Amino acid sequence: MTVSIGLLGAGRIGKVHAEAIATNRDAKLTAVFDPVVDAAAAIAQNAGARQAPIDDILADPAIDAVIIATPTDLHADQIEAAAQAGKAIFCEKPIDLDTERVRSCLDVVARGNARLMIGFNRRFDPHIAELRGQIDRGAVGDVELAQITSRDPAPPPEAYVRRSGGIFRDMMIHDFDMARFLLDEEIVEVSATGSVLFEQMIGDAGDFDTATATLRSETGRICVITNSRRATYGYDQRIEVHGSKGLAAIDNTRATNVMVADGSGYRTEPLLPFFMERYLDAYKRELAVFVDALTNSAPLSPNGMDGLRALEIADAAEESARTSRKVTIQSR
C-alpha cells in the first residue's frame, strides 16, 4: 500500500516534510496547498503533485492523510476539518497555543475516530532513540536527573516571534516533550525564569530570548532545561541523563567527527547550522513511522495527548517565569 498524502503548508517545515516523503517508497505526495502560490508550486513540481485548495484535498477520496505544516493558529481548525473528512493527520506542534482549544480539538478527533500524530520529531532522532533505548535497558539504573540544552544559532524574525506563542510554547516545548519521553513520567511541577539579554525586539514582543526551566516528575525525578535564541557557534543540542548506575549523554552533532590536533590546539568542525540539518534523519524516521502505522493499523505516537501535556508544561513555565513562583500542573 502506498499512502497518498496532502501537504498543507509549503514553508520551511513543509519543504522538510516533502523531502521526507520523497525518500519513502511507501508514501506519495499527491497535493500541496499554500496561500503563497509559488511556494506550493515549487514543492508540487518537484514531487509530481498538484496544487489544490484545502477543501479539495480534504474532499479527495484518493488522499489518505494530510500533513499540517501551516502556522500554529491554523492547526486546530485544520485538524478538525481533516478529522471530519476521514483523513489521518500528522500535525506540527503545537496543536494550538490555548489548552482549552486543544482539548476541544481532541474531542473532535475522538468523536470522529480520527488518527492524529503530533510532530515532536526529536523522539525519532537516532541518537535520542538510542539514548532512550539505553535507559530502557537499564544502562543508567533508576533515572534521577536529566539536563537538556537547546540553543538556536540566531533569533527568528520579529513576525515569527509575535506569532509563536513565546519561547516556552514555541522552542522549549520540544524539550518539555523530551523530558516526558526520557523520564517516562508526567511532570507535576515547574519552576522557570526568563530574561531579555541580547535581542530587544524579542523583549518588545513580550517574550524572552533566554530561559531555563526545572521540572519535577510525579516520583520526584528532575529535569533542568536551558534555552537561548542565540548561539554564535551553531545549533547547540545536548542531553544528559543521570541515574543510580551511571550516566548516558548525547553531545552535539557535526558534519563529520574528524578532529585535528597540532601546535595551536585541537580543532573540530563547526556544529550543524540549524534544525533542518541536525534533525534531518529524525524527520525521515518520523514520516516513516507515520506511514508504517497507517499501513499496519498501528497506534500513532506521539499523539494528541502528548501535544496537550507538553503545552500544559509550557503554560506552567510561562506562568512561573512571570510570577517567580513554582507552578503545579493540574492535568485534566
Protein backbone atom coordinates (compact mmCIF):
# COMPACT_ATOMS: atom_id res chain seq x y z
CA MET A 1 0.00 0.00 0.00
CA THR A 2 1.23 3.48 -0.89
CA VAL A 3 -0.06 6.19 1.44
CA SER A 4 -1.27 9.22 -0.52
CA ILE A 5 -0.57 12.47 1.34
CA GLY A 6 -1.81 16.03 1.04
CA LEU A 7 0.55 18.70 2.37
CA LEU A 8 -0.91 21.82 3.95
CA GLY A 9 1.83 24.44 4.12
CA ALA A 10 4.80 24.88 1.79
CA GLY A 11 7.08 26.93 4.01
CA ARG A 12 10.33 25.86 5.63
CA ILE A 13 8.94 22.89 7.56
CA GLY A 14 6.64 21.94 4.69
CA LYS A 15 9.68 21.54 2.47
CA VAL A 16 11.29 19.29 5.07
CA HIS A 17 8.24 17.03 5.13
CA ALA A 18 8.03 16.98 1.33
CA GLU A 19 11.64 15.83 1.17
CA ALA A 20 10.94 13.12 3.76
CA ILE A 21 8.00 11.85 1.70
CA ALA A 22 10.22 11.75 -1.39
CA THR A 23 12.61 9.34 0.34
CA ASN A 24 9.86 6.95 1.46
CA ARG A 25 8.84 4.31 -1.07
CA ASP A 26 5.55 3.70 0.74
CA ALA A 27 4.39 7.32 0.57
CA LYS A 28 3.42 9.68 -2.22
CA LEU A 29 2.86 13.43 -2.11
CA THR A 30 -0.35 13.90 -4.09
CA ALA A 31 -1.40 17.52 -3.46
CA VAL A 32 0.02 20.69 -1.92
CA PHE A 33 -1.67 23.79 -0.55
CA ASP A 34 -0.17 27.11 0.44
CA PRO A 35 -1.55 30.64 0.06
CA VAL A 36 1.85 31.55 -1.38
CA VAL A 37 1.25 30.04 -4.80
CA ASP A 38 4.90 29.98 -5.88
CA ALA A 39 5.94 28.09 -2.74
CA ALA A 40 3.28 25.43 -3.29
CA ALA A 41 4.13 25.22 -6.99
CA ALA A 42 7.81 24.58 -6.30
CA ILE A 43 7.09 21.64 -3.98
CA ALA A 44 4.35 20.26 -6.21
CA GLN A 45 6.57 20.37 -9.30
CA ASN A 46 9.44 18.60 -7.56
CA ALA A 47 7.12 15.87 -6.24
CA GLY A 48 4.97 15.42 -9.30
CA ALA A 49 1.99 16.54 -7.21
CA ARG A 50 -0.76 19.03 -7.91
CA GLN A 51 -1.63 22.30 -6.26
CA ALA A 52 -5.07 22.32 -4.69
CA PRO A 53 -7.20 24.24 -2.19
CA ILE A 54 -7.56 22.69 1.25
CA ASP A 55 -11.22 21.81 0.66
CA ASP A 56 -10.31 19.89 -2.48
CA ILE A 57 -7.54 17.99 -0.69
CA LEU A 58 -9.86 17.00 2.14
CA ALA A 59 -12.63 16.00 -0.26
CA ASP A 60 -10.37 13.79 -2.40
CA PRO A 61 -11.08 10.13 -1.51
CA ALA A 62 -7.73 9.11 -3.01
CA ILE A 63 -5.82 11.08 -0.36
CA ASP A 64 -5.32 9.00 2.78
CA ALA A 65 -3.63 11.51 5.08
CA VAL A 66 -2.68 15.15 5.48
CA ILE A 67 0.43 16.75 6.92
CA ILE A 68 -0.35 20.08 8.57
CA ALA A 69 2.66 22.39 8.35
CA THR A 70 0.82 25.71 8.44
CA PRO A 71 1.13 28.48 11.07
CA THR A 72 0.16 27.41 14.60
CA ASP A 73 -3.04 29.45 14.78
CA LEU A 74 -4.47 27.39 11.89
CA HIS A 75 -3.63 23.94 13.26
CA ALA A 76 -6.70 23.19 15.39
CA ASP A 77 -9.23 24.20 12.73
CA GLN A 78 -7.40 22.19 10.09
CA ILE A 79 -7.09 19.14 12.33
CA GLU A 80 -10.84 19.23 12.94
CA ALA A 81 -11.62 19.63 9.24
CA ALA A 82 -9.31 16.74 8.34
CA ALA A 83 -10.78 14.55 11.08
CA GLN A 84 -14.31 15.23 9.85
CA ALA A 85 -13.17 14.38 6.32
CA GLY A 86 -11.90 10.99 7.48
CA LYS A 87 -8.21 11.69 6.89
CA ALA A 88 -5.32 10.50 9.03
CA ILE A 89 -3.48 13.56 10.35
CA PHE A 90 0.10 14.48 11.06
CA CYS A 91 0.34 17.97 12.60
CA GLU A 92 3.35 20.00 13.58
CA LYS A 93 3.48 21.12 17.20
CA PRO A 94 1.69 22.73 18.91
CA ILE A 95 -1.95 21.91 18.19
CA ASP A 96 -2.83 25.39 19.44
CA LEU A 97 -1.45 27.93 21.90
CA ASP A 98 -4.51 27.61 24.18
CA THR A 99 -5.01 24.40 26.14
CA GLU A 100 -8.81 24.67 26.13
CA ARG A 101 -8.76 24.94 22.34
CA VAL A 102 -6.51 21.88 22.21
CA ARG A 103 -8.93 19.91 24.38
CA SER A 104 -11.90 20.84 22.19
CA CYS A 105 -9.92 19.88 19.10
CA LEU A 106 -9.01 16.50 20.56
CA ASP A 107 -12.69 15.94 21.36
CA VAL A 108 -13.49 16.39 17.66
CA VAL A 109 -10.70 13.96 16.75
CA ALA A 110 -12.01 11.40 19.23
CA ARG A 111 -15.63 11.73 18.11
CA GLY A 112 -14.58 11.16 14.53
CA ASN A 113 -12.34 8.24 15.50
CA ALA A 114 -9.62 10.02 13.53
CA ARG A 115 -5.93 9.18 13.73
CA LEU A 116 -3.64 12.01 14.85
CA MET A 117 0.13 12.20 15.27
CA ILE A 118 1.95 15.28 16.58
CA GLY A 119 5.32 16.36 15.20
CA PHE A 120 7.72 16.01 18.09
CA ASN A 121 10.43 14.92 15.69
CA ARG A 122 13.24 14.66 18.22
CA ARG A 123 11.84 11.39 19.55
CA PHE A 124 12.82 9.88 16.20
CA ASP A 125 16.39 11.17 16.09
CA PRO A 126 18.59 8.03 16.06
CA HIS A 127 20.83 9.38 18.83
CA ILE A 128 17.90 10.22 21.11
CA ALA A 129 16.17 6.93 20.27
CA GLU A 130 19.32 5.07 21.31
CA LEU A 131 19.57 7.16 24.50
CA ARG A 132 16.02 6.12 25.39
CA GLY A 133 16.93 2.55 24.49
CA GLN A 134 19.89 2.60 26.89
CA ILE A 135 17.61 3.91 29.63
CA ASP A 136 15.06 1.16 28.92
CA ARG A 137 17.80 -1.47 29.03
CA GLY A 138 18.88 -0.26 32.47
CA ALA A 139 22.23 1.26 31.50
CA VAL A 140 21.85 4.20 33.91
CA GLY A 141 19.75 2.37 36.50
CA ASP A 142 16.90 4.33 38.04
CA VAL A 143 16.70 7.70 36.31
CA GLU A 144 17.15 10.58 38.74
CA LEU A 145 18.17 13.68 36.79
CA ALA A 146 18.13 14.91 33.19
CA GLN A 147 19.69 18.02 31.69
CA ILE A 148 18.65 19.33 28.27
CA THR A 149 20.40 22.15 26.41
CA SER A 150 18.81 23.71 23.32
CA ARG A 151 20.20 26.88 21.76
CA ASP A 152 19.30 28.26 18.36
CA PRO A 153 22.03 29.85 16.21
CA ALA A 154 20.16 33.17 15.89
CA PRO A 155 16.84 34.77 16.84
CA PRO A 156 13.89 34.29 14.46
CA PRO A 157 12.31 37.22 12.60
CA GLU A 158 10.06 39.60 14.53
CA ALA A 159 6.93 38.49 12.67
CA TYR A 160 7.60 34.91 13.73
CA VAL A 161 8.26 35.87 17.36
CA ARG A 162 4.98 37.75 17.63
CA ARG A 163 3.02 34.77 16.29
CA SER A 164 4.99 32.00 18.00
CA GLY A 165 3.44 31.97 21.48
CA GLY A 166 6.78 32.67 23.14
CA ILE A 167 9.94 30.75 23.88
CA PHE A 168 8.27 28.25 26.21
CA ARG A 169 5.44 27.30 23.81
CA ASP A 170 7.46 27.56 20.60
CA MET A 171 11.01 26.46 21.38
CA MET A 172 11.17 24.81 24.80
CA ILE A 173 8.03 22.77 24.10
CA HIS A 174 10.26 20.30 22.25
CA ASP A 175 12.35 19.92 25.40
CA PHE A 176 9.23 19.51 27.55
CA ASP A 177 8.27 16.60 25.33
CA MET A 178 11.82 15.25 25.66
CA ALA A 179 11.55 15.43 29.45
CA ARG A 180 8.38 13.32 29.40
CA PHE A 181 9.94 10.95 26.86
CA LEU A 182 13.17 10.40 28.80
CA LEU A 183 11.85 10.48 32.37
CA ASP A 184 8.88 8.34 31.29
CA GLU A 185 6.66 10.11 33.82
CA GLU A 186 4.29 13.04 33.87
CA ILE A 187 5.60 16.43 35.01
CA VAL A 188 3.77 17.82 38.04
CA GLU A 189 5.74 20.94 38.99
CA VAL A 190 7.61 23.64 37.05
CA SER A 191 9.92 26.46 38.11
CA ALA A 192 11.08 28.71 35.27
CA THR A 193 12.77 32.01 34.62
CA GLY A 194 13.38 34.11 31.52
CA SER A 195 15.36 37.19 30.53
CA VAL A 196 15.92 39.52 27.61
CA LEU A 197 19.71 39.69 27.37
CA PHE A 198 20.61 40.41 23.75
CA GLU A 199 17.57 40.91 21.48
CA GLN A 200 15.35 43.82 22.45
CA MET A 201 12.96 43.05 19.59
CA ILE A 202 12.03 39.85 21.42
CA GLY A 203 11.52 41.78 24.64
CA ASP A 204 9.36 44.34 22.85
CA ALA A 205 7.20 41.44 21.66
CA GLY A 206 6.69 40.41 25.28
CA ASP A 207 8.94 37.36 25.13
CA PHE A 208 12.33 36.17 26.45
CA ASP A 209 15.47 35.42 24.46
CA THR A 210 16.98 33.29 27.25
CA ALA A 211 15.12 30.90 29.55
CA THR A 212 15.51 27.99 31.95
CA ALA A 213 13.03 25.58 33.49
CA THR A 214 13.31 23.00 36.25
CA LEU A 215 10.72 20.23 36.08
CA ARG A 216 9.76 17.69 38.74
CA SER A 217 8.04 14.45 37.79
CA GLU A 218 5.40 12.58 39.77
CA THR A 219 8.02 10.46 41.60
CA GLY A 220 10.44 13.36 42.10
CA ARG A 221 12.72 12.95 39.11
CA ILE A 222 14.19 16.30 37.99
CA CYS A 223 14.86 17.73 34.55
CA VAL A 224 16.72 21.01 34.03
CA ILE A 225 16.29 22.71 30.64
CA THR A 226 18.19 25.72 29.26
CA ASN A 227 17.24 27.58 26.07
CA SER A 228 18.74 30.51 24.22
CA ARG A 229 17.74 32.16 20.95
CA ARG A 230 21.42 32.76 20.16
CA ALA A 231 24.46 30.51 19.97
CA THR A 232 27.30 32.03 17.96
CA TYR A 233 28.89 28.61 17.41
CA GLY A 234 25.90 26.81 15.79
CA TYR A 235 22.84 24.78 16.72
CA ASP A 236 23.52 23.53 20.25
CA GLN A 237 21.68 20.31 21.19
CA ARG A 238 22.83 18.25 24.16
CA ILE A 239 21.18 15.84 26.61
CA GLU A 240 22.44 14.14 29.75
CA VAL A 241 20.55 11.55 31.81
CA HIS A 242 21.92 10.55 35.23
CA GLY A 243 20.77 7.58 37.25
CA SER A 244 21.61 5.17 40.05
CA LYS A 245 24.10 3.21 37.92
CA GLY A 246 25.65 5.95 35.83
CA LEU A 247 25.20 8.41 33.01
CA ALA A 248 24.11 8.44 29.37
CA ALA A 249 24.56 11.52 27.22
CA ILE A 250 24.30 12.94 23.71
CA ASP A 251 26.77 15.55 22.53
CA ASN A 252 26.42 17.93 19.61
CA THR A 253 26.43 16.63 16.05
CA ARG A 254 28.82 17.83 13.37
CA ALA A 255 29.11 17.14 9.67
CA THR A 256 31.94 14.72 10.49
CA ASN A 257 33.64 13.62 13.70
CA VAL A 258 37.13 14.44 12.40
CA MET A 259 39.36 16.18 14.92
CA VAL A 260 42.69 17.79 14.02
CA ALA A 261 45.39 18.50 16.60
CA ASP A 262 48.59 20.49 16.08
CA GLY A 263 50.72 23.01 17.84
CA SER A 264 47.87 25.51 18.02
CA GLY A 265 45.49 23.07 19.75
CA TYR A 266 42.54 20.82 18.91
CA ARG A 267 40.08 21.64 16.13
CA THR A 268 36.78 20.10 15.11
CA GLU A 269 34.21 21.02 12.51
CA PRO A 270 31.53 23.56 13.43
CA LEU A 271 28.17 22.42 14.74
CA LEU A 272 25.43 21.83 12.20
CA PRO A 273 23.76 25.17 11.37
CA PHE A 274 20.12 24.55 12.39
CA PHE A 275 17.33 22.05 13.00
CA MET A 276 16.79 21.07 9.35
CA GLU A 277 20.34 19.69 9.16
CA ARG A 278 20.59 18.40 12.75
CA TYR A 279 17.30 16.52 12.67
CA LEU A 280 17.18 15.52 9.00
CA ASP A 281 17.19 11.81 9.86
CA ALA A 282 14.58 12.39 12.56
CA TYR A 283 12.13 13.90 10.07
CA LYS A 284 12.59 10.95 7.72
CA ARG A 285 12.13 8.41 10.51
CA GLU A 286 9.14 10.31 11.86
CA LEU A 287 7.43 10.20 8.47
CA ALA A 288 8.31 6.51 8.12
CA VAL A 289 6.69 5.72 11.47
CA PHE A 290 3.56 7.67 10.47
CA VAL A 291 3.27 5.86 7.14
CA ASP A 292 4.01 2.44 8.65
CA ALA A 293 1.37 2.95 11.35
CA LEU A 294 -1.24 3.82 8.74
CA THR A 295 -0.27 0.83 6.61
CA ASN A 296 -0.37 -1.61 9.51
CA SER A 297 -3.17 -0.03 11.59
CA ALA A 298 -0.73 0.54 14.46
CA PRO A 299 -1.10 3.22 17.16
CA LEU A 300 0.24 6.68 16.36
CA SER A 301 2.73 8.22 18.76
CA PRO A 302 3.33 10.94 19.85
CA ASN A 303 -0.40 11.61 19.79
CA GLY A 304 -2.73 14.48 20.61
CA MET A 305 -2.49 13.89 24.34
CA ASP A 306 1.30 14.19 24.14
CA GLY A 307 0.78 17.53 22.44
CA LEU A 308 -1.59 18.66 25.19
CA ARG A 309 0.73 17.59 28.01
CA ALA A 310 3.71 19.45 26.53
CA LEU A 311 1.59 22.60 26.16
CA GLU A 312 0.42 22.32 29.77
CA ILE A 313 4.07 22.28 30.87
CA ALA A 314 4.77 25.29 28.64
CA ASP A 315 1.87 27.20 30.18
CA ALA A 316 3.15 26.38 33.65
CA ALA A 317 6.66 27.53 32.71
CA GLU A 318 5.32 30.80 31.31
CA GLU A 319 3.32 31.43 34.49
CA SER A 320 6.31 30.58 36.67
CA ALA A 321 8.62 32.91 34.75
CA ARG A 322 6.10 35.77 35.01
CA THR A 323 5.32 35.27 38.71
CA SER A 324 8.68 33.98 40.03
CA ARG A 325 6.85 31.09 41.71
CA LYS A 326 6.69 27.32 41.29
CA VAL A 327 3.61 26.19 39.41
CA THR A 328 1.82 22.87 39.93
CA ILE A 329 0.31 21.26 36.85
CA GLN A 330 -3.29 20.18 37.24
CA SER A 331 -3.88 17.91 34.25
CA ARG A 332 -7.41 17.05 33.25
